[in-house]
Amino acid sequence: MKSKILILAAVVLFVVSCGTQKSAAVATTETPAAPITETAKAAPLTPELAEAKNLYENSCGRCHKLYEAKKFTQEEWKPILTRMQKKAKLDDTQIASISNYINSQL
């Protein structure tokens, strides 16, 4: 009976010690600056381009990280978008609006 109580106490002690681990917060005097994104620098988007941006983020960002528009040239984006259109199951008007959005960011 004593061995069962000791085993139970050891198991409880182990579970409690694993679950209540806390780390001390490190105070810093330096405040991080807000990152400036490319979209913050660009002119405000028209409603059509805003919708295309939303479509780009939701359709393309579902499977992989989103690339900045300036990472590729307009000629490099054409085959990328054509290849991804089939995988994302986008119709021609949707891919055209995404293409217009990307071209507006170049």
PDB file of N, CA and C in Angstrom:
ATOM      1  N   MET A   1       0.820  -1.190   0.000  1.00  0.00           N
ATOM      2  CA  MET A   1       0.000   0.000   0.000  1.00  0.00           C
ATOM      3  C   MET A   1       0.863   1.252   0.000  1.00  0.00           C
ATOM      4  N   LYS A   2       1.962   1.204   0.810  1.00  0.00           N
ATOM      5  CA  LYS A   2       2.850   2.361   0.871  1.00  0.00           C
ATOM      6  C   LYS A   2       3.516   2.610  -0.478  1.00  0.00           C
ATOM      7  N   SER A   3       3.842   1.547  -1.189  1.00  0.00           N
ATOM      8  CA  SER A   3       4.503   1.713  -2.490  1.00  0.00           C
ATOM      9  C   SER A   3       3.569   2.356  -3.512  1.00  0.00           C
ATOM     10  N   LYS A   4       2.285   2.036  -3.455  1.00  0.00           N
ATOM     11  CA  LYS A   4       1.309   2.647  -4.364  1.00  0.00           C
ATOM     12  C   LYS A   4       1.175   4.138  -4.083  1.00  0.00           C
ATOM     13  N   ILE A   5       1.163   4.512  -2.813  1.00  0.00           N
ATOM     14  CA  ILE A   5       1.053   5.926  -2.448  1.00  0.00           C
ATOM     15  C   ILE A   5       2.306   6.679  -2.877  1.00  0.00           C
ATOM     16  N   LEU A   6       3.462   6.088  -2.691  1.00  0.00           N
ATOM     17  CA  LEU A   6       4.710   6.729  -3.105  1.00  0.00           C
ATOM     18  C   LEU A   6       4.777   6.891  -4.623  1.00  0.00           C
ATOM     19  N   ILE A   7       4.354   5.902  -5.366  1.00  0.00           N
ATOM     20  CA  ILE A   7       4.342   5.979  -6.834  1.00  0.00           C
ATOM     21  C   ILE A   7       3.363   7.047  -7.287  1.00  0.00           C
ATOM     22  N   LEU A   8       2.189   7.074  -6.681  1.00  0.00           N
ATOM     23  CA  LEU A   8       1.192   8.087  -7.018  1.00  0.00           C
ATOM     24  C   LEU A   8       1.705   9.486  -6.702  1.00  0.00           C
ATOM     25  N   ALA A   9       2.349   9.665  -5.570  1.00  0.00           N
ATOM     26  CA  ALA A   9       2.909  10.967  -5.192  1.00  0.00           C
ATOM     27  C   ALA A   9       4.005  11.389  -6.174  1.00  0.00           C
ATOM     28  N   ALA A  10       4.825  10.447  -6.603  1.00  0.00           N
ATOM     29  CA  ALA A  10       5.896  10.751  -7.557  1.00  0.00           C
ATOM     30  C   ALA A  10       5.310  11.164  -8.905  1.00  0.00           C
ATOM     31  N   VAL A  11       4.271  10.480  -9.350  1.00  0.00           N
ATOM     32  CA  VAL A  11       3.630  10.807 -10.630  1.00  0.00           C
ATOM     33  C   VAL A  11       2.992  12.190 -10.554  1.00  0.00           C
ATOM     34  N   VAL A  12       2.301  12.491  -9.461  1.00  0.00           N
ATOM     35  CA  VAL A  12       1.676  13.807  -9.295  1.00  0.00           C
ATOM     36  C   VAL A  12       2.737  14.891  -9.261  1.00  0.00           C
ATOM     37  N   LEU A  13       3.818  14.666  -8.537  1.00  0.00           N
ATOM     38  CA  LEU A  13       4.905  15.635  -8.460  1.00  0.00           C
ATOM     39  C   LEU A  13       5.522  15.872  -9.838  1.00  0.00           C
ATOM     40  N   PHE A  14       5.688  14.822 -10.608  1.00  0.00           N
ATOM     41  CA  PHE A  14       6.244  14.944 -11.950  1.00  0.00           C
ATOM     42  C   PHE A  14       5.319  15.744 -12.861  1.00  0.00           C
ATOM     43  N   VAL A  15       4.038  15.463 -12.827  1.00  0.00           N
ATOM     44  CA  VAL A  15       3.069  16.161 -13.676  1.00  0.00           C
ATOM     45  C   VAL A  15       2.995  17.635 -13.300  1.00  0.00           C
ATOM     46  N   VAL A  16       2.963  17.927 -12.022  1.00  0.00           N
ATOM     47  CA  VAL A  16       2.883  19.312 -11.570  1.00  0.00           C
ATOM     48  C   VAL A  16       4.147  20.073 -11.934  1.00  0.00           C
ATOM     49  N   SER A  17       5.293  19.455 -11.786  1.00  0.00           N
ATOM     50  CA  SER A  17       6.541  20.147 -12.095  1.00  0.00           C
ATOM     51  C   SER A  17       6.690  20.422 -13.588  1.00  0.00           C
ATOM     52  N   CYS A  18       6.154  19.566 -14.421  1.00  0.00           N
ATOM     53  CA  CYS A  18       6.224  19.782 -15.869  1.00  0.00           C
ATOM     54  C   CYS A  18       5.223  20.832 -16.334  1.00  0.00           C
ATOM     55  N   GLY A  19       4.101  20.924 -15.691  1.00  0.00           N
ATOM     56  CA  GLY A  19       3.038  21.810 -16.154  1.00  0.00           C
ATOM     57  C   GLY A  19       3.120  23.225 -15.632  1.00  0.00           C
ATOM     58  N   THR A  20       3.903  23.494 -14.604  1.00  0.00           N
ATOM     59  CA  THR A  20       3.900  24.831 -14.022  1.00  0.00           C
ATOM     60  C   THR A  20       5.208  25.569 -14.235  1.00  0.00           C
ATOM     61  N   GLN A  21       5.917  25.249 -15.275  1.00  0.00           N
ATOM     62  CA  GLN A  21       7.182  25.912 -15.541  1.00  0.00           C
ATOM     63  C   GLN A  21       6.916  27.310 -16.078  1.00  0.00           C
ATOM     64  N   LYS A  22       7.514  28.299 -15.448  1.00  0.00           N
ATOM     65  CA  LYS A  22       7.316  29.685 -15.848  1.00  0.00           C
ATOM     66  C   LYS A  22       8.668  30.282 -16.205  1.00  0.00           C
ATOM     67  N   SER A  23       8.635  31.218 -17.135  1.00  0.00           N
ATOM     68  CA  SER A  23       9.867  31.903 -17.485  1.00  0.00           C
ATOM     69  C   SER A  23       9.730  33.366 -17.120  1.00  0.00           C
ATOM     70  N   ALA A  24      10.816  33.958 -16.714  1.00  0.00           N
ATOM     71  CA  ALA A  24      10.802  35.362 -16.314  1.00  0.00           C
ATOM     72  C   ALA A  24      10.824  36.239 -17.558  1.00  0.00           C
ATOM     73  N   ALA A  25      10.054  37.299 -17.520  1.00  0.00           N
ATOM     74  CA  ALA A  25      10.023  38.235 -18.640  1.00  0.00           C
ATOM     75  C   ALA A  25      11.248  39.131 -18.568  1.00  0.00           C
ATOM     76  N   VAL A  26      11.867  39.358 -19.695  1.00  0.00           N
ATOM     77  CA  VAL A  26      13.041  40.208 -19.761  1.00  0.00           C
ATOM     78  C   VAL A  26      12.596  41.590 -20.200  1.00  0.00           C
ATOM     79  N   ALA A  27      12.866  42.567 -19.373  1.00  0.00           N
ATOM     80  CA  ALA A  27      12.463  43.935 -19.700  1.00  0.00           C
ATOM     81  C   ALA A  27      13.517  44.565 -20.591  1.00  0.00           C
ATOM     82  N   THR A  28      13.060  45.214 -21.644  1.00  0.00           N
ATOM     83  CA  THR A  28      13.977  45.917 -22.528  1.00  0.00           C
ATOM     84  C   THR A  28      13.606  47.386 -22.541  1.00  0.00           C
ATOM     85  N   THR A  29      14.603  48.220 -22.684  1.00  0.00           N
ATOM     86  CA  THR A  29      14.342  49.653 -22.730  1.00  0.00           C
ATOM     87  C   THR A  29      14.119  50.122 -24.146  1.00  0.00           C
ATOM     88  N   GLU A  30      14.474  49.298 -25.097  1.00  0.00           N
ATOM     89  CA  GLU A  30      14.336  49.658 -26.500  1.00  0.00           C
ATOM     90  C   GLU A  30      12.969  49.238 -27.006  1.00  0.00           C
ATOM     91  N   THR A  31      12.242  50.159 -27.608  1.00  0.00           N
ATOM     92  CA  THR A  31      10.945  49.820 -28.181  1.00  0.00           C
ATOM     93  C   THR A  31      11.122  49.518 -29.656  1.00  0.00           C
ATOM     94  N   PRO A  32      10.548  48.426 -30.131  1.00  0.00           N
ATOM     95  CA  PRO A  32      10.713  48.086 -31.542  1.00  0.00           C
ATOM     96  C   PRO A  32       9.919  49.050 -32.422  1.00  0.00           C
ATOM     97  N   ALA A  33      10.529  49.423 -33.516  1.00  0.00           N
ATOM     98  CA  ALA A  33       9.853  50.294 -34.472  1.00  0.00           C
ATOM     99  C   ALA A  33       8.886  49.467 -35.299  1.00  0.00           C
ATOM    100  N   ALA A  34       7.792  50.067 -35.659  1.00  0.00           N
ATOM    101  CA  ALA A  34       6.804  49.370 -36.481  1.00  0.00           C
ATOM    102  C   ALA A  34       7.379  49.155 -37.869  1.00  0.00           C
ATOM    103  N   PRO A  35       7.296  47.937 -38.392  1.00  0.00           N
ATOM    104  CA  PRO A  35       7.844  47.681 -39.724  1.00  0.00           C
ATOM    105  C   PRO A  35       7.032  48.406 -40.791  1.00  0.00           C
ATOM    106  N   ILE A  36       7.736  48.934 -41.748  1.00  0.00           N
ATOM    107  CA  ILE A  36       7.088  49.610 -42.867  1.00  0.00           C
ATOM    108  C   ILE A  36       7.009  48.621 -44.005  1.00  0.00           C
ATOM    109  N   THR A  37       5.809  48.294 -44.392  1.00  0.00           N
ATOM    110  CA  THR A  37       5.625  47.332 -45.470  1.00  0.00           C
ATOM    111  C   THR A  37       5.546  48.063 -46.798  1.00  0.00           C
ATOM    112  N   GLU A  38       5.673  47.292 -47.838  1.00  0.00           N
ATOM    113  CA  GLU A  38       5.596  47.865 -49.180  1.00  0.00           C
ATOM    114  C   GLU A  38       4.227  48.479 -49.443  1.00  0.00           C
ATOM    115  N   THR A  39       3.185  47.865 -48.906  1.00  0.00           N
ATOM    116  CA  THR A  39       1.850  48.385 -49.145  1.00  0.00           C
ATOM    117  C   THR A  39       1.623  49.692 -48.405  1.00  0.00           C
ATOM    118  N   ALA A  40       2.350  49.892 -47.279  1.00  0.00           N
ATOM    119  CA  ALA A  40       2.210  51.147 -46.551  1.00  0.00           C
ATOM    120  C   ALA A  40       2.836  52.293 -47.338  1.00  0.00           C
ATOM    121  N   LYS A  41       3.872  52.006 -48.118  1.00  0.00           N
ATOM    122  CA  LYS A  41       4.544  53.030 -48.912  1.00  0.00           C
ATOM    123  C   LYS A  41       3.747  53.368 -50.171  1.00  0.00           C
ATOM    124  N   ALA A  42       3.027  52.376 -50.692  1.00  0.00           N
ATOM    125  CA  ALA A  42       2.328  52.539 -51.961  1.00  0.00           C
ATOM    126  C   ALA A  42       1.072  53.384 -51.776  1.00  0.00           C
ATOM    127  N   ALA A  43       0.583  53.865 -52.894  1.00  0.00           N
ATOM    128  CA  ALA A  43      -0.651  54.645 -52.887  1.00  0.00           C
ATOM    129  C   ALA A  43      -1.812  53.738 -52.480  1.00  0.00           C
ATOM    130  N   PRO A  44      -2.894  54.336 -51.967  1.00  0.00           N
ATOM    131  CA  PRO A  44      -4.047  53.517 -51.582  1.00  0.00           C
ATOM    132  C   PRO A  44      -4.594  52.732 -52.774  1.00  0.00           C
ATOM    133  N   LEU A  45      -5.062  51.544 -52.481  1.00  0.00           N
ATOM    134  CA  LEU A  45      -5.568  50.676 -53.536  1.00  0.00           C
ATOM    135  C   LEU A  45      -7.006  51.035 -53.894  1.00  0.00           C
ATOM    136  N   THR A  46      -7.316  50.883 -55.164  1.00  0.00           N
ATOM    137  CA  THR A  46      -8.701  51.037 -55.605  1.00  0.00           C
ATOM    138  C   THR A  46      -9.495  49.843 -55.075  1.00  0.00           C
ATOM    139  N   PRO A  47     -10.803  49.925 -55.057  1.00  0.00           N
ATOM    140  CA  PRO A  47     -11.593  48.778 -54.570  1.00  0.00           C
ATOM    141  C   PRO A  47     -11.323  47.492 -55.362  1.00  0.00           C
ATOM    142  N   GLU A  48     -11.105  47.615 -56.660  1.00  0.00           N
ATOM    143  CA  GLU A  48     -10.824  46.432 -57.476  1.00  0.00           C
ATOM    144  C   GLU A  48      -9.485  45.813 -57.090  1.00  0.00           C
ATOM    145  N   LEU A  49      -8.469  46.674 -56.885  1.00  0.00           N
ATOM    146  CA  LEU A  49      -7.153  46.162 -56.517  1.00  0.00           C
ATOM    147  C   LEU A  49      -7.154  45.617 -55.090  1.00  0.00           C
ATOM    148  N   ALA A  50      -7.927  46.228 -54.206  1.00  0.00           N
ATOM    149  CA  ALA A  50      -8.034  45.720 -52.839  1.00  0.00           C
ATOM    150  C   ALA A  50      -8.676  44.337 -52.832  1.00  0.00           C
ATOM    151  N   GLU A  51      -9.682  44.147 -53.682  1.00  0.00           N
ATOM    152  CA  GLU A  51     -10.314  42.833 -53.801  1.00  0.00           C
ATOM    153  C   GLU A  51      -9.339  41.814 -54.387  1.00  0.00           C
ATOM    154  N   ALA A  52      -8.541  42.250 -55.363  1.00  0.00           N
ATOM    155  CA  ALA A  52      -7.547  41.358 -55.964  1.00  0.00           C
ATOM    156  C   ALA A  52      -6.456  41.006 -54.948  1.00  0.00           C
ATOM    157  N   LYS A  53      -6.068  41.962 -54.124  1.00  0.00           N
ATOM    158  CA  LYS A  53      -5.072  41.696 -53.082  1.00  0.00           C
ATOM    159  C   LYS A  53      -5.615  40.657 -52.102  1.00  0.00           C
ATOM    160  N   ASN A  54      -6.866  40.818 -51.713  1.00  0.00           N
ATOM    161  CA  ASN A  54      -7.500  39.864 -50.814  1.00  0.00           C
ATOM    162  C   ASN A  54      -7.544  38.476 -51.448  1.00  0.00           C
ATOM    163  N   LEU A  55      -7.864  38.415 -52.717  1.00  0.00           N
ATOM    164  CA  LEU A  55      -7.900  37.144 -53.441  1.00  0.00           C
ATOM    165  C   LEU A  55      -6.506  36.519 -53.493  1.00  0.00           C
ATOM    166  N   TYR A  56      -5.485  37.339 -53.749  1.00  0.00           N
ATOM    167  CA  TYR A  56      -4.099  36.865 -53.791  1.00  0.00           C
ATOM    168  C   TYR A  56      -3.697  36.302 -52.429  1.00  0.00           C
ATOM    169  N   GLU A  57      -3.982  37.047 -51.372  1.00  0.00           N
ATOM    170  CA  GLU A  57      -3.584  36.604 -50.041  1.00  0.00           C
ATOM    171  C   GLU A  57      -4.312  35.333 -49.618  1.00  0.00           C
ATOM    172  N   ASN A  58      -5.605  35.244 -49.927  1.00  0.00           N
ATOM    173  CA  ASN A  58      -6.380  34.081 -49.499  1.00  0.00           C
ATOM    174  C   ASN A  58      -6.169  32.861 -50.383  1.00  0.00           C
ATOM    175  N   SER A  59      -6.000  33.052 -51.670  1.00  0.00           N
ATOM    176  CA  SER A  59      -5.838  31.904 -52.575  1.00  0.00           C
ATOM    177  C   SER A  59      -4.406  31.397 -52.573  1.00  0.00           C
ATOM    178  N   CYS A  60      -3.459  32.305 -52.654  1.00  0.00           N
ATOM    179  CA  CYS A  60      -2.061  31.898 -52.763  1.00  0.00           C
ATOM    180  C   CYS A  60      -1.450  31.605 -51.393  1.00  0.00           C
ATOM    181  N   GLY A  61      -1.849  32.395 -50.402  1.00  0.00           N
ATOM    182  CA  GLY A  61      -1.294  32.225 -49.071  1.00  0.00           C
ATOM    183  C   GLY A  61      -1.786  30.982 -48.353  1.00  0.00           C
ATOM    184  N   ARG A  62      -2.772  30.316 -48.914  1.00  0.00           N
ATOM    185  CA  ARG A  62      -3.278  29.081 -48.332  1.00  0.00           C
ATOM    186  C   ARG A  62      -2.237  27.968 -48.382  1.00  0.00           C
ATOM    187  N   CYS A  63      -1.432  27.958 -49.445  1.00  0.00           N
ATOM    188  CA  CYS A  63      -0.507  26.847 -49.650  1.00  0.00           C
ATOM    189  C   CYS A  63       0.955  27.190 -49.395  1.00  0.00           C
ATOM    190  N   HIS A  64       1.321  28.449 -49.538  1.00  0.00           N
ATOM    191  CA  HIS A  64       2.725  28.821 -49.364  1.00  0.00           C
ATOM    192  C   HIS A  64       2.824  30.279 -48.939  1.00  0.00           C
ATOM    193  N   LYS A  65       4.050  30.681 -48.594  1.00  0.00           N
ATOM    194  CA  LYS A  65       4.238  32.068 -48.178  1.00  0.00           C
ATOM    195  C   LYS A  65       4.059  32.982 -49.386  1.00  0.00           C
ATOM    196  N   LEU A  66       3.605  34.176 -49.108  1.00  0.00           N
ATOM    197  CA  LEU A  66       3.363  35.130 -50.182  1.00  0.00           C
ATOM    198  C   LEU A  66       4.649  35.862 -50.513  1.00  0.00           C
ATOM    199  N   TYR A  67       4.885  36.035 -51.783  1.00  0.00           N
ATOM    200  CA  TYR A  67       6.063  36.754 -52.238  1.00  0.00           C
ATOM    201  C   TYR A  67       5.713  38.212 -52.479  1.00  0.00           C
ATOM    202  N   GLU A  68       6.667  39.086 -52.199  1.00  0.00           N
ATOM    203  CA  GLU A  68       6.485  40.494 -52.530  1.00  0.00           C
ATOM    204  C   GLU A  68       6.425  40.606 -54.050  1.00  0.00           C
ATOM    205  N   ALA A  69       5.618  41.522 -54.533  1.00  0.00           N
ATOM    206  CA  ALA A  69       5.444  41.670 -55.981  1.00  0.00           C
ATOM    207  C   ALA A  69       6.767  42.024 -56.660  1.00  0.00           C
ATOM    208  N   LYS A  70       7.600  42.779 -55.978  1.00  0.00           N
ATOM    209  CA  LYS A  70       8.863  43.231 -56.583  1.00  0.00           C
ATOM    210  C   LYS A  70       9.939  42.160 -56.613  1.00  0.00           C
ATOM    211  N   LYS A  71       9.656  40.991 -56.034  1.00  0.00           N
ATOM    212  CA  LYS A  71      10.637  39.915 -56.050  1.00  0.00           C
ATOM    213  C   LYS A  71      10.868  39.404 -57.467  1.00  0.00           C
ATOM    214  N   PHE A  72       9.839  39.475 -58.309  1.00  0.00           N
ATOM    215  CA  PHE A  72       9.932  39.017 -59.686  1.00  0.00           C
ATOM    216  C   PHE A  72       9.516  40.152 -60.617  1.00  0.00           C
ATOM    217  N   THR A  73       9.951  40.060 -61.864  1.00  0.00           N
ATOM    218  CA  THR A  73       9.547  41.041 -62.867  1.00  0.00           C
ATOM    219  C   THR A  73       8.172  40.647 -63.408  1.00  0.00           C
ATOM    220  N   GLN A  74       7.599  41.556 -64.179  1.00  0.00           N
ATOM    221  CA  GLN A  74       6.284  41.288 -64.764  1.00  0.00           C
ATOM    222  C   GLN A  74       6.342  40.062 -65.665  1.00  0.00           C
ATOM    223  N   GLU A  75       7.432  39.904 -66.411  1.00  0.00           N
ATOM    224  CA  GLU A  75       7.573  38.744 -67.294  1.00  0.00           C
ATOM    225  C   GLU A  75       7.733  37.453 -66.503  1.00  0.00           C
ATOM    226  N   GLU A  76       8.378  37.526 -65.332  1.00  0.00           N
ATOM    227  CA  GLU A  76       8.549  36.333 -64.502  1.00  0.00           C
ATOM    228  C   GLU A  76       7.249  35.938 -63.806  1.00  0.00           C
ATOM    229  N   TRP A  77       6.389  36.920 -63.511  1.00  0.00           N
ATOM    230  CA  TRP A  77       5.128  36.627 -62.838  1.00  0.00           C
ATOM    231  C   TRP A  77       4.153  35.876 -63.741  1.00  0.00           C
ATOM    232  N   LYS A  78       4.176  36.131 -65.057  1.00  0.00           N
ATOM    233  CA  LYS A  78       3.197  35.515 -65.967  1.00  0.00           C
ATOM    234  C   LYS A  78       3.185  33.992 -65.882  1.00  0.00           C
ATOM    235  N   PRO A  79       4.331  33.315 -66.053  1.00  0.00           N
ATOM    236  CA  PRO A  79       4.276  31.845 -65.958  1.00  0.00           C
ATOM    237  C   PRO A  79       3.992  31.342 -64.545  1.00  0.00           C
ATOM    238  N   ILE A  80       4.426  32.093 -63.547  1.00  0.00           N
ATOM    239  CA  ILE A  80       4.152  31.690 -62.161  1.00  0.00           C
ATOM    240  C   ILE A  80       2.648  31.691 -61.927  1.00  0.00           C
ATOM    241  N   LEU A  81       1.988  32.782 -62.324  1.00  0.00           N
ATOM    242  CA  LEU A  81       0.545  32.881 -62.111  1.00  0.00           C
ATOM    243  C   LEU A  81      -0.222  31.857 -62.941  1.00  0.00           C
ATOM    244  N   THR A  82       0.246  31.605 -64.152  1.00  0.00           N
ATOM    245  CA  THR A  82      -0.412  30.610 -64.999  1.00  0.00           C
ATOM    246  C   THR A  82      -0.333  29.225 -64.364  1.00  0.00           C
ATOM    247  N   ARG A  83       0.844  28.881 -63.839  1.00  0.00           N
ATOM    248  CA  ARG A  83       1.028  27.574 -63.201  1.00  0.00           C
ATOM    249  C   ARG A  83       0.200  27.466 -61.922  1.00  0.00           C
ATOM    250  N   MET A  84       0.172  28.526 -61.141  1.00  0.00           N
ATOM    251  CA  MET A  84      -0.546  28.503 -59.873  1.00  0.00           C
ATOM    252  C   MET A  84      -2.062  28.594 -60.051  1.00  0.00           C
ATOM    253  N   GLN A  85      -2.516  29.117 -61.175  1.00  0.00           N
ATOM    254  CA  GLN A  85      -3.957  29.239 -61.434  1.00  0.00           C
ATOM    255  C   GLN A  85      -4.626  27.877 -61.352  1.00  0.00           C
ATOM    256  N   LYS A  86      -3.999  26.887 -61.948  1.00  0.00           N
ATOM    257  CA  LYS A  86      -4.582  25.546 -61.951  1.00  0.00           C
ATOM    258  C   LYS A  86      -4.595  24.953 -60.554  1.00  0.00           C
ATOM    259  N   LYS A  87      -3.509  25.146 -59.805  1.00  0.00           N
ATOM    260  CA  LYS A  87      -3.426  24.574 -58.466  1.00  0.00           C
ATOM    261  C   LYS A  87      -4.397  25.237 -57.504  1.00  0.00           C
ATOM    262  N   ALA A  88      -4.589  26.560 -57.661  1.00  0.00           N
ATOM    263  CA  ALA A  88      -5.481  27.303 -56.767  1.00  0.00           C
ATOM    264  C   ALA A  88      -6.932  27.258 -57.236  1.00  0.00           C
ATOM    265  N   LYS A  89      -7.146  26.653 -58.415  1.00  0.00           N
ATOM    266  CA  LYS A  89      -8.494  26.538 -58.986  1.00  0.00           C
ATOM    267  C   LYS A  89      -9.147  27.914 -59.159  1.00  0.00           C
ATOM    268  N   LEU A  90      -8.397  28.825 -59.792  1.00  0.00           N
ATOM    269  CA  LEU A  90      -8.886  30.176 -60.070  1.00  0.00           C
ATOM    270  C   LEU A  90      -9.313  30.265 -61.526  1.00  0.00           C
ATOM    271  N   ASP A  91     -10.388  31.005 -61.786  1.00  0.00           N
ATOM    272  CA  ASP A  91     -10.795  31.192 -63.175  1.00  0.00           C
ATOM    273  C   ASP A  91      -9.998  32.335 -63.805  1.00  0.00           C
ATOM    274  N   ASP A  92     -10.219  32.572 -65.089  1.00  0.00           N
ATOM    275  CA  ASP A  92      -9.428  33.560 -65.820  1.00  0.00           C
ATOM    276  C   ASP A  92      -9.623  34.975 -65.292  1.00  0.00           C
ATOM    277  N   THR A  93     -10.826  35.337 -64.884  1.00  0.00           N
ATOM    278  CA  THR A  93     -11.040  36.701 -64.375  1.00  0.00           C
ATOM    279  C   THR A  93     -10.358  36.889 -63.025  1.00  0.00           C
ATOM    280  N   GLN A  94     -10.343  35.862 -62.189  1.00  0.00           N
ATOM    281  CA  GLN A  94      -9.673  35.972 -60.897  1.00  0.00           C
ATOM    282  C   GLN A  94      -8.167  36.111 -61.065  1.00  0.00           C
ATOM    283  N   ILE A  95      -7.581  35.314 -61.962  1.00  0.00           N
ATOM    284  CA  ILE A  95      -6.138  35.394 -62.161  1.00  0.00           C
ATOM    285  C   ILE A  95      -5.765  36.713 -62.839  1.00  0.00           C
ATOM    286  N   ALA A  96      -6.658  37.242 -63.673  1.00  0.00           N
ATOM    287  CA  ALA A  96      -6.395  38.548 -64.294  1.00  0.00           C
ATOM    288  C   ALA A  96      -6.402  39.658 -63.243  1.00  0.00           C
ATOM    289  N   SER A  97      -7.304  39.577 -62.291  1.00  0.00           N
ATOM    290  CA  SER A  97      -7.330  40.606 -61.248  1.00  0.00           C
ATOM    291  C   SER A  97      -6.115  40.493 -60.338  1.00  0.00           C
ATOM    292  N   ILE A  98      -5.677  39.270 -60.027  1.00  0.00           N
ATOM    293  CA  ILE A  98      -4.467  39.096 -59.248  1.00  0.00           C
ATOM    294  C   ILE A  98      -3.264  39.633 -60.013  1.00  0.00           C
ATOM    295  N   SER A  99      -3.215  39.363 -61.298  1.00  0.00           N
ATOM    296  CA  SER A  99      -2.132  39.877 -62.142  1.00  0.00           C
ATOM    297  C   SER A  99      -2.125  41.398 -62.168  1.00  0.00           C
ATOM    298  N   ASN A 100      -3.305  42.010 -62.256  1.00  0.00           N
ATOM    299  CA  ASN A 100      -3.389  43.468 -62.218  1.00  0.00           C
ATOM    300  C   ASN A 100      -2.897  44.013 -60.893  1.00  0.00           C
ATOM    301  N   TYR A 101      -3.247  43.356 -59.803  1.00  0.00           N
ATOM    302  CA  TYR A 101      -2.782  43.786 -58.482  1.00  0.00           C
ATOM    303  C   TYR A 101      -1.262  43.716 -58.394  1.00  0.00           C
ATOM    304  N   ILE A 102      -0.694  42.594 -58.815  1.00  0.00           N
ATOM    305  CA  ILE A 102       0.771  42.429 -58.749  1.00  0.00           C
ATOM    306  C   ILE A 102       1.455  43.460 -59.617  1.00  0.00           C
ATOM    307  N   ASN A 103       0.939  43.671 -60.835  1.00  0.00           N
ATOM    308  CA  ASN A 103       1.544  44.656 -61.724  1.00  0.00           C
ATOM    309  C   ASN A 103       1.451  46.071 -61.147  1.00  0.00           C
ATOM    310  N   SER A 104       0.401  46.360 -60.398  1.00  0.00           N
ATOM    311  CA  SER A 104       0.280  47.681 -59.799  1.00  0.00           C
ATOM    312  C   SER A 104       1.285  47.899 -58.676  1.00  0.00           C
ATOM    313  N   GLN A 105       1.793  46.806 -58.123  1.00  0.00           N
ATOM    314  CA  GLN A 105       2.761  46.911 -57.023  1.00  0.00           C
ATOM    315  C   GLN A 105       4.204  46.944 -57.517  1.00  0.00           C
ATOM    316  N   LEU A 106       4.424  46.689 -58.786  1.00  0.00           N
ATOM    317  CA  LEU A 106       5.789  46.698 -59.340  1.00  0.00           C
ATOM    318  C   LEU A 106       6.312  48.097 -59.516  1.00  0.00           C
TER     319      LEU A 106
END
